[in-house]
C-alpha atoms as a PDB file:
ATOM      1  CA  MET A   1     -12.502  29.207  32.090  1.00  0.00           C
ATOM      2  CA  THR A   2     -14.296  28.761  28.975  1.00  0.00           C
ATOM      3  CA  GLU A   3     -11.969  27.363  26.368  1.00  0.00           C
ATOM      4  CA  GLU A   4     -11.666  29.596  23.070  1.00  0.00           C
ATOM      5  CA  PRO A   5     -12.909  27.758  19.888  1.00  0.00           C
ATOM      6  CA  GLU A   6     -10.029  26.884  17.765  1.00  0.00           C
ATOM      7  CA  LYS A   7      -9.248  28.787  14.663  1.00  0.00           C
ATOM      8  CA  LEU A   8      -8.178  27.286  11.365  1.00  0.00           C
ATOM      9  CA  ALA A   9      -5.877  28.587   9.093  1.00  0.00           C
ATOM     10  CA  GLU A  10      -7.350  30.786   6.197  1.00  0.00           C
ATOM     11  CA  GLY A  11      -6.381  32.126   2.733  1.00  0.00           C
ATOM     12  CA  THR A  12      -7.172  33.025  -0.604  1.00  0.00           C
ATOM     13  CA  LEU A  13      -7.647  30.485  -3.595  1.00  0.00           C
ATOM     14  CA  ILE A  14      -4.508  31.910  -5.190  1.00  0.00           C
ATOM     15  CA  SER A  15      -2.562  31.348  -2.296  1.00  0.00           C
ATOM     16  CA  HIS A  16      -3.516  27.704  -2.109  1.00  0.00           C
ATOM     17  CA  LEU A  17      -3.024  27.231  -5.550  1.00  0.00           C
ATOM     18  CA  ARG A  18       0.496  28.422  -5.070  1.00  0.00           C
ATOM     19  CA  GLU A  19       1.155  26.530  -2.149  1.00  0.00           C
ATOM     20  CA  LEU A  20      -0.251  23.545  -4.022  1.00  0.00           C
ATOM     21  CA  ARG A  21       2.381  24.124  -7.020  1.00  0.00           C
ATOM     22  CA  ASP A  22       5.089  24.651  -4.694  1.00  0.00           C
ATOM     23  CA  ARG A  23       4.213  21.248  -3.013  1.00  0.00           C
ATOM     24  CA  LEU A  24       3.929  19.497  -6.323  1.00  0.00           C
ATOM     25  CA  ILE A  25       7.443  20.861  -7.350  1.00  0.00           C
ATOM     26  CA  ARG A  26       8.620  19.529  -4.305  1.00  0.00           C
ATOM     27  CA  CYS A  27       7.405  16.201  -4.662  1.00  0.00           C
ATOM     28  CA  CYS A  28       8.564  16.147  -8.362  1.00  0.00           C
ATOM     29  CA  ILE A  29      12.343  17.082  -7.185  1.00  0.00           C
ATOM     30  CA  ALA A  30      12.043  14.218  -4.216  1.00  0.00           C
ATOM     31  CA  LEU A  31      11.195  11.815  -7.061  1.00  0.00           C
ATOM     32  CA  ALA A  32      13.763  12.767  -9.592  1.00  0.00           C
ATOM     33  CA  VAL A  33      16.399  12.969  -6.551  1.00  0.00           C
ATOM     34  CA  ALA A  34      15.180   9.184  -5.300  1.00  0.00           C
ATOM     35  CA  PHE A  35      15.352   8.265  -9.328  1.00  0.00           C
ATOM     36  CA  VAL A  36      19.098   9.178  -9.777  1.00  0.00           C
ATOM     37  CA  PRO A  37      20.684   6.507  -7.589  1.00  0.00           C
ATOM     38  CA  CYS A  38      17.964   3.852  -8.584  1.00  0.00           C
ATOM     39  CA  MET A  39      18.725   4.496 -12.033  1.00  0.00           C
ATOM     40  CA  THR A  40      22.403   4.055 -11.614  1.00  0.00           C
ATOM     41  CA  TYR A  41      22.109   0.511  -9.985  1.00  0.00           C
ATOM     42  CA  SER A  42      18.897  -0.491 -12.098  1.00  0.00           C
ATOM     43  CA  ASN A  43      20.458  -3.404 -13.363  1.00  0.00           C
ATOM     44  CA  GLN A  44      20.979  -4.617  -9.998  1.00  0.00           C
ATOM     45  CA  ILE A  45      17.610  -3.610  -8.689  1.00  0.00           C
ATOM     46  CA  TRP A  46      16.305  -5.714 -11.831  1.00  0.00           C
ATOM     47  CA  ALA A  47      18.265  -8.743 -10.678  1.00  0.00           C
ATOM     48  CA  TYR A  48      16.829  -8.509  -7.396  1.00  0.00           C
ATOM     49  CA  VAL A  49      12.988  -8.111  -8.651  1.00  0.00           C
ATOM     50  CA  ALA A  50      13.837 -11.170 -10.783  1.00  0.00           C
ATOM     51  CA  ARG A  51      15.521 -13.231  -8.363  1.00  0.00           C
ATOM     52  CA  PRO A  52      12.419 -15.206  -6.925  1.00  0.00           C
ATOM     53  CA  LEU A  53      11.174 -16.402 -10.510  1.00  0.00           C
ATOM     54  CA  ILE A  54      14.835 -17.152 -11.543  1.00  0.00           C
ATOM     55  CA  GLU A  55      15.356 -19.279  -8.732  1.00  0.00           C
ATOM     56  CA  LYS A  56      12.259 -21.329  -9.426  1.00  0.00           C
ATOM     57  CA  LEU A  57      13.005 -21.640 -13.255  1.00  0.00           C
ATOM     58  CA  PRO A  58      13.390 -25.247 -14.487  1.00  0.00           C
ATOM     59  CA  HIS A  59      17.320 -26.019 -15.032  1.00  0.00           C
ATOM     60  CA  GLY A  60      18.479 -24.589 -18.482  1.00  0.00           C
ATOM     61  CA  ASN A  61      15.381 -21.943 -18.410  1.00  0.00           C
ATOM     62  CA  THR A  62      15.708 -18.432 -18.472  1.00  0.00           C
ATOM     63  CA  LEU A  63      13.996 -14.969 -19.035  1.00  0.00           C
ATOM     64  CA  ILE A  64      14.046 -13.677 -22.403  1.00  0.00           C
ATOM     65  CA  ALA A  65      13.091  -9.984 -23.906  1.00  0.00           C
ATOM     66  CA  THR A  66      10.979  -9.945 -26.911  1.00  0.00           C
ATOM     67  CA  THR A  67      11.383  -6.579 -27.853  1.00  0.00           C
ATOM     68  CA  VAL A  68      14.433  -4.469 -28.997  1.00  0.00           C
ATOM     69  CA  MET A  69      14.193  -2.104 -26.284  1.00  0.00           C
ATOM     70  CA  GLY A  70      13.391  -4.595 -23.126  1.00  0.00           C
ATOM     71  CA  PRO A  71      16.784  -5.013 -22.100  1.00  0.00           C
ATOM     72  CA  PHE A  72      17.064  -1.266 -21.135  1.00  0.00           C
ATOM     73  CA  LEU A  73      12.978  -0.418 -20.543  1.00  0.00           C
ATOM     74  CA  ILE A  74      12.863  -3.289 -18.042  1.00  0.00           C
ATOM     75  CA  PRO A  75      15.385  -2.160 -15.676  1.00  0.00           C
ATOM     76  CA  PHE A  76      14.430   1.428 -16.461  1.00  0.00           C
ATOM     77  CA  LYS A  77      10.933   0.834 -15.431  1.00  0.00           C
ATOM     78  CA  SER A  78      12.030  -1.125 -12.532  1.00  0.00           C
ATOM     79  CA  ALA A  79      14.264   1.519 -11.219  1.00  0.00           C
ATOM     80  CA  PHE A  80      11.469   4.103 -11.639  1.00  0.00           C
ATOM     81  CA  PHE A  81       9.159   1.991  -9.525  1.00  0.00           C
ATOM     82  CA  VAL A  82      11.526   1.648  -6.567  1.00  0.00           C
ATOM     83  CA  ALA A  83      12.234   5.342  -6.727  1.00  0.00           C
ATOM     84  CA  VAL A  84       8.241   5.942  -6.382  1.00  0.00           C
ATOM     85  CA  LEU A  85       8.390   3.949  -3.602  1.00  0.00           C
ATOM     86  CA  ALA A  86      11.382   5.577  -1.891  1.00  0.00           C
ATOM     87  CA  ALA A  87       9.728   9.050  -2.657  1.00  0.00           C
ATOM     88  CA  THR A  88       6.189   8.236  -1.099  1.00  0.00           C
ATOM     89  CA  PRO A  89       6.701   9.123   2.414  1.00  0.00           C
ATOM     90  CA  TYR A  90       7.731  12.594   1.523  1.00  0.00           C
ATOM     91  CA  VAL A  91       5.088  12.902  -0.976  1.00  0.00           C
ATOM     92  CA  LEU A  92       2.708  12.233   1.525  1.00  0.00           C
ATOM     93  CA  TYR A  93       4.215  14.302   3.835  1.00  0.00           C
ATOM     94  CA  GLN A  94       3.677  17.114   1.372  1.00  0.00           C
ATOM     95  CA  LEU A  95       0.343  16.205   0.959  1.00  0.00           C
ATOM     96  CA  TRP A  96      -0.309  16.225   4.735  1.00  0.00           C
ATOM     97  CA  ALA A  97       1.524  19.747   5.064  1.00  0.00           C
ATOM     98  CA  PHE A  98      -1.060  21.101   2.517  1.00  0.00           C
ATOM     99  CA  VAL A  99      -4.244  19.474   4.153  1.00  0.00           C
ATOM    100  CA  ALA A 100      -3.362  19.834   8.037  1.00  0.00           C
ATOM    101  CA  PRO A 101      -4.174  23.325   8.302  1.00  0.00           C
ATOM    102  CA  GLY A 102      -7.546  22.772   7.566  1.00  0.00           C
ATOM    103  CA  LEU A 103      -8.061  20.229  10.158  1.00  0.00           C
ATOM    104  CA  TYR A 104      -8.929  20.678  14.060  1.00  0.00           C
ATOM    105  CA  ARG A 105      -6.589  19.427  16.679  1.00  0.00           C
ATOM    106  CA  HIS A 106      -8.323  16.323  17.450  1.00  0.00           C
ATOM    107  CA  GLU A 107      -9.133  15.510  14.044  1.00  0.00           C
ATOM    108  CA  LYS A 108      -5.065  15.747  13.656  1.00  0.00           C
ATOM    109  CA  ARG A 109      -4.777  13.186  16.173  1.00  0.00           C
ATOM    110  CA  PHE A 110      -6.694  10.715  14.415  1.00  0.00           C
ATOM    111  CA  ALA A 111      -5.397  11.372  10.676  1.00  0.00           C
ATOM    112  CA  ILE A 112      -1.474  11.205  11.970  1.00  0.00           C
ATOM    113  CA  PRO A 113      -1.732   7.774  13.068  1.00  0.00           C
ATOM    114  CA  LEU A 114      -3.982   6.597  10.210  1.00  0.00           C
ATOM    115  CA  LEU A 115      -1.590   8.328   7.859  1.00  0.00           C
ATOM    116  CA  VAL A 116       1.518   6.623   9.182  1.00  0.00           C
ATOM    117  CA  THR A 117       0.138   3.269   9.571  1.00  0.00           C
ATOM    118  CA  SER A 118      -1.079   3.002   5.909  1.00  0.00           C
ATOM    119  CA  ILE A 119       2.475   3.884   4.706  1.00  0.00           C
ATOM    120  CA  VAL A 120       3.513   1.209   7.035  1.00  0.00           C
ATOM    121  CA  LEU A 121       0.999  -1.212   5.921  1.00  0.00           C
ATOM    122  CA  PHE A 122       1.654  -0.586   2.295  1.00  0.00           C
ATOM    123  CA  TYR A 123       5.218  -1.512   2.395  1.00  0.00           C
ATOM    124  CA  VAL A 124       4.710  -4.470   4.454  1.00  0.00           C
ATOM    125  CA  GLY A 125       2.185  -5.434   1.798  1.00  0.00           C
ATOM    126  CA  ILE A 126       4.831  -5.192  -0.634  1.00  0.00           C
ATOM    127  CA  ALA A 127       7.548  -7.134   1.478  1.00  0.00           C
ATOM    128  CA  PHE A 128       5.013  -9.858   2.291  1.00  0.00           C
ATOM    129  CA  ALA A 129       4.451 -10.307  -1.506  1.00  0.00           C
ATOM    130  CA  TYR A 130       8.202 -10.754  -2.373  1.00  0.00           C
ATOM    131  CA  VAL A 131       9.195 -12.635   0.394  1.00  0.00           C
ATOM    132  CA  CYS A 132       6.511 -15.308   1.056  1.00  0.00           C
ATOM    133  CA  VAL A 133       3.967 -14.850  -1.891  1.00  0.00           C
ATOM    134  CA  PHE A 134       6.817 -15.174  -5.013  1.00  0.00           C
ATOM    135  CA  PRO A 135       8.763 -17.930  -3.879  1.00  0.00           C
ATOM    136  CA  VAL A 136       5.534 -20.210  -3.442  1.00  0.00           C
ATOM    137  CA  LEU A 137       3.625 -18.910  -6.441  1.00  0.00           C
ATOM    138  CA  PHE A 138       6.469 -19.168  -8.742  1.00  0.00           C
ATOM    139  CA  GLY A 139       7.430 -22.658  -7.429  1.00  0.00           C
ATOM    140  CA  PHE A 140       4.135 -24.054  -7.901  1.00  0.00           C
ATOM    141  CA  VAL A 141       3.819 -22.496 -11.682  1.00  0.00           C
ATOM    142  CA  ALA A 142       7.248 -23.817 -12.483  1.00  0.00           C
ATOM    143  CA  SER A 143       6.452 -27.046 -10.841  1.00  0.00           C
ATOM    144  CA  ILE A 144       3.625 -27.874 -13.282  1.00  0.00           C
ATOM    145  CA  VAL A 145       5.321 -27.100 -16.484  1.00  0.00           C
ATOM    146  CA  PRO A 146       4.189 -29.784 -19.119  1.00  0.00           C
ATOM    147  CA  PRO A 147       6.816 -32.111 -20.363  1.00  0.00           C
ATOM    148  CA  GLY A 148       8.565 -30.960 -23.668  1.00  0.00           C
ATOM    149  CA  VAL A 149       7.787 -27.249 -22.842  1.00  0.00           C
ATOM    150  CA  ALA A 150      10.463 -24.592 -22.231  1.00  0.00           C
ATOM    151  CA  MET A 151       9.342 -21.765 -19.366  1.00  0.00           C
ATOM    152  CA  ARG A 152      11.354 -18.943 -20.682  1.00  0.00           C
ATOM    153  CA  PRO A 153       8.761 -15.874 -19.383  1.00  0.00           C
ATOM    154  CA  ASP A 154       9.421 -12.590 -21.208  1.00  0.00           C
ATOM    155  CA  ILE A 155      10.831  -9.906 -18.854  1.00  0.00           C
ATOM    156  CA  GLY A 156       8.296  -7.145 -19.737  1.00  0.00           C
ATOM    157  CA  ALA A 157       5.243  -9.535 -19.136  1.00  0.00           C
ATOM    158  CA  TYR A 158       6.923 -10.639 -15.708  1.00  0.00           C
ATOM    159  CA  LEU A 159       7.695  -7.036 -14.387  1.00  0.00           C
ATOM    160  CA  ASP A 160       3.956  -6.148 -15.285  1.00  0.00           C
ATOM    161  CA  THR A 161       2.953  -9.269 -13.020  1.00  0.00           C
ATOM    162  CA  VAL A 162       5.252  -8.163 -10.238  1.00  0.00           C
ATOM    163  CA  VAL A 163       4.058  -4.737 -10.253  1.00  0.00           C
ATOM    164  CA  LYS A 164       0.530  -5.955 -10.250  1.00  0.00           C
ATOM    165  CA  LEU A 165       1.068  -8.100  -7.335  1.00  0.00           C
ATOM    166  CA  PHE A 166       2.641  -5.416  -5.266  1.00  0.00           C
ATOM    167  CA  LEU A 167       0.178  -2.825  -5.940  1.00  0.00           C
ATOM    168  CA  VAL A 168      -2.736  -5.640  -5.153  1.00  0.00           C
ATOM    169  CA  PHE A 169      -1.056  -6.633  -1.601  1.00  0.00           C
ATOM    170  CA  GLY A 170      -0.116  -3.384  -0.942  1.00  0.00           C
ATOM    171  CA  VAL A 171      -3.368  -2.133  -1.339  1.00  0.00           C
ATOM    172  CA  ALA A 172      -5.074  -5.223   0.549  1.00  0.00           C
ATOM    173  CA  PHE A 173      -2.993  -4.650   3.248  1.00  0.00           C
ATOM    174  CA  GLU A 174      -4.873  -1.111   4.094  1.00  0.00           C
ATOM    175  CA  MET A 175      -7.733  -3.172   5.280  1.00  0.00           C
ATOM    176  CA  PRO A 176      -7.112  -2.168   8.841  1.00  0.00           C
ATOM    177  CA  ILE A 177      -7.094   1.257   7.810  1.00  0.00           C
ATOM    178  CA  ALA A 178     -10.644   0.867   5.943  1.00  0.00           C
ATOM    179  CA  VAL A 179     -12.161  -0.986   8.669  1.00  0.00           C
ATOM    180  CA  ALA A 180     -11.137   1.719  11.301  1.00  0.00           C
ATOM    181  CA  LEU A 181     -12.579   4.643   8.865  1.00  0.00           C
ATOM    182  CA  LEU A 182     -15.792   2.700   8.775  1.00  0.00           C
ATOM    183  CA  VAL A 183     -16.235   2.757  12.508  1.00  0.00           C
ATOM    184  CA  LEU A 184     -14.816   6.095  13.082  1.00  0.00           C
ATOM    185  CA  THR A 185     -17.331   7.495  10.669  1.00  0.00           C
ATOM    186  CA  GLY A 186     -20.476   5.545  12.234  1.00  0.00           C
ATOM    187  CA  VAL A 187     -21.247   3.636   9.039  1.00  0.00           C
ATOM    188  CA  VAL A 188     -20.534   0.500  10.942  1.00  0.00           C
ATOM    189  CA  SER A 189     -20.156  -0.637  14.720  1.00  0.00           C
ATOM    190  CA  ILE A 190     -17.504  -2.511  16.311  1.00  0.00           C
ATOM    191  CA  ASP A 191     -19.911  -5.287  17.490  1.00  0.00           C
ATOM    192  CA  LYS A 192     -21.410  -5.525  14.082  1.00  0.00           C
ATOM    193  CA  LEU A 193     -17.946  -6.134  12.578  1.00  0.00           C
ATOM    194  CA  LYS A 194     -17.327  -9.101  14.998  1.00  0.00           C
ATOM    195  CA  SER A 195     -20.595 -10.731  14.337  1.00  0.00           C
ATOM    196  CA  ASN A 196     -20.142 -10.606  10.732  1.00  0.00           C
ATOM    197  CA  ARG A 197     -16.837 -12.359  10.466  1.00  0.00           C
ATOM    198  CA  ARG A 198     -17.984 -15.270   8.494  1.00  0.00           C
ATOM    199  CA  TYR A 199     -19.389 -13.049   6.067  1.00  0.00           C
ATOM    200  CA  VAL A 200     -16.447 -11.342   5.633  1.00  0.00           C
ATOM    201  CA  LEU A 201     -14.316 -14.564   5.643  1.00  0.00           C
ATOM    202  CA  PHE A 202     -16.401 -15.449   2.383  1.00  0.00           C
ATOM    203  CA  GLY A 203     -16.221 -12.001   0.906  1.00  0.00           C
ATOM    204  CA  VAL A 204     -12.275 -11.647   0.735  1.00  0.00           C
ATOM    205  CA  PHE A 205     -11.818 -15.165  -0.783  1.00  0.00           C
ATOM    206  CA  VAL A 206     -14.395 -13.643  -3.242  1.00  0.00           C
ATOM    207  CA  ALA A 207     -12.641 -10.177  -3.525  1.00  0.00           C
ATOM    208  CA  ALA A 208      -9.194 -11.694  -4.035  1.00  0.00           C
ATOM    209  CA  ALA A 209     -10.346 -13.841  -7.023  1.00  0.00           C
ATOM    210  CA  PHE A 210     -11.168 -10.587  -8.544  1.00  0.00           C
ATOM    211  CA  ILE A 211      -8.303  -8.286  -7.622  1.00  0.00           C
ATOM    212  CA  ASN A 212      -5.641 -11.013  -8.214  1.00  0.00           C
ATOM    213  CA  PRO A 213      -4.093 -10.682 -11.611  1.00  0.00           C
ATOM    214  CA  LEU A 214      -3.420 -14.381 -11.543  1.00  0.00           C
ATOM    215  CA  PRO A 215      -6.156 -16.768 -12.055  1.00  0.00           C
ATOM    216  CA  ASP A 216      -4.815 -19.588  -9.770  1.00  0.00           C
ATOM    217  CA  ALA A 217      -6.311 -20.526  -6.696  1.00  0.00           C
ATOM    218  CA  LEU A 218      -3.137 -20.746  -4.792  1.00  0.00           C
ATOM    219  CA  SER A 219      -2.174 -17.077  -5.063  1.00  0.00           C
ATOM    220  CA  GLN A 220      -5.870 -16.238  -4.017  1.00  0.00           C
ATOM    221  CA  SER A 221      -5.608 -18.001  -0.950  1.00  0.00           C
ATOM    222  CA  ILE A 222      -2.448 -16.344  -0.337  1.00  0.00           C
ATOM    223  CA  LEU A 223      -4.137 -12.782  -0.719  1.00  0.00           C
ATOM    224  CA  ALA A 224      -7.202 -13.651   1.284  1.00  0.00           C
ATOM    225  CA  ILE A 225      -6.038 -15.347   4.057  1.00  0.00           C
ATOM    226  CA  PRO A 226      -3.850 -12.420   5.396  1.00  0.00           C
ATOM    227  CA  MET A 227      -6.654 -10.291   4.304  1.00  0.00           C
ATOM    228  CA  TYR A 228      -8.661 -11.393   7.052  1.00  0.00           C
ATOM    229  CA  GLY A 229      -6.278 -11.355   9.686  1.00  0.00           C
ATOM    230  CA  LEU A 230      -5.979  -7.712   8.725  1.00  0.00           C
ATOM    231  CA  TYR A 231      -9.568  -7.222   8.951  1.00  0.00           C
ATOM    232  CA  GLU A 232      -9.311  -8.825  12.629  1.00  0.00           C
ATOM    233  CA  GLY A 233      -6.152  -6.232  13.032  1.00  0.00           C
ATOM    234  CA  GLY A 234      -8.832  -3.362  11.782  1.00  0.00           C
ATOM    235  CA  ILE A 235     -11.145  -4.452  14.465  1.00  0.00           C
ATOM    236  CA  LEU A 236      -8.387  -3.877  17.167  1.00  0.00           C
ATOM    237  CA  LEU A 237      -6.981  -0.797  15.438  1.00  0.00           C
ATOM    238  CA  ALA A 238     -10.898   0.872  15.460  1.00  0.00           C
ATOM    239  CA  SER A 239     -11.222  -0.166  19.138  1.00  0.00           C
ATOM    240  CA  ILE A 240      -7.860   1.704  19.954  1.00  0.00           C
ATOM    241  CA  LEU A 241      -8.922   4.784  18.149  1.00  0.00           C
ATOM    242  CA  SER A 242     -12.472   4.851  19.268  1.00  0.00           C
ATOM    243  CA  LYS A 243     -11.262   4.709  22.930  1.00  0.00           C
ATOM    244  CA  MET A 244      -8.885   7.797  22.101  1.00  0.00           C
ATOM    245  CA  ARG A 245     -11.637   9.675  20.562  1.00  0.00           C
ATOM    246  CA  GLU A 246     -13.976   8.914  23.762  1.00  0.00           C
ATOM    247  CA  SER A 247     -10.750  10.136  25.886  1.00  0.00           C
ATOM    248  CA  VAL A 248     -10.586  13.398  23.609  1.00  0.00           C
ATOM    249  CA  GLY A 249     -14.326  14.219  24.048  1.00  0.00           C
ATOM    250  CA  GLN A 250     -14.030  13.879  27.844  1.00  0.00           C
ATOM    251  CA  ASP A 251     -11.234  16.284  28.041  1.00  0.00           C
ATOM    252  CA  ARG A 252     -12.931  18.789  25.594  1.00  0.00           C
ATOM    253  CA  LYS A 253     -16.082  18.753  27.802  1.00  0.00           C
ATOM    254  CA  ILE A 254     -13.735  19.191  30.913  1.00  0.00           C
ATOM    255  CA  GLY A 255     -12.138  22.036  29.477  1.00  0.00           C
ATOM    256  CA  GLN A 256     -15.462  23.826  28.487  1.00  0.00           C
ATOM    257  CA  ALA A 257     -16.584  23.189  31.835  1.00  0.00           C
ATOM    258  CA  SER A 258     -13.532  24.454  33.467  1.00  0.00           C
END
């Protein structure tokens, strides 16, 4: 029995635009719903964000606000950033629901694990930055303050640095997804990735020096070492997905032959 070719969902340009509009509205509503409780506890969120630096400041030093609206705007921005993080899974789900009808079943089998893994890795990267990187980095910075110099960072500059580091580590932790996509699209083979490990190790240190918003070698090393570990994780993920693709290909051949 020959397997019937799979048919994709079809629609007019207007219907697609209407669906896109509806899903964008849902995303905005989800962001607003997430922002309301975050704004209610904006001061508590800001205190949590500022804790890694406050705990490392020399005795008697504090964060300061150099603008009139800073004490209001900075907690507001931190609350908005947390709301975006909270709403991101739902926003990506809406994006997936819009794109999925145009994919074949075997494409969905690969897209879903990659999408879920990318979301998880982005959050893991942010958590890694907050828990592991910030205490070491800010402790190092506070320890090298010259005598007679008061360390009193501006809250706006601190939040900008924190958000940049969050984004850098969140994106850096997407390394396994990038490696897996390179293999699945045939750009590079798994054997080639394994044989170029030493070049990749050098490359991630160079990349960390460029994408890291801080110029010190410590923060660059803290970023580069996990990136290389994630490169190895990407090779493992690519191997698993390649085996899945081979299994799907064999199943399709068997279905067409029966």
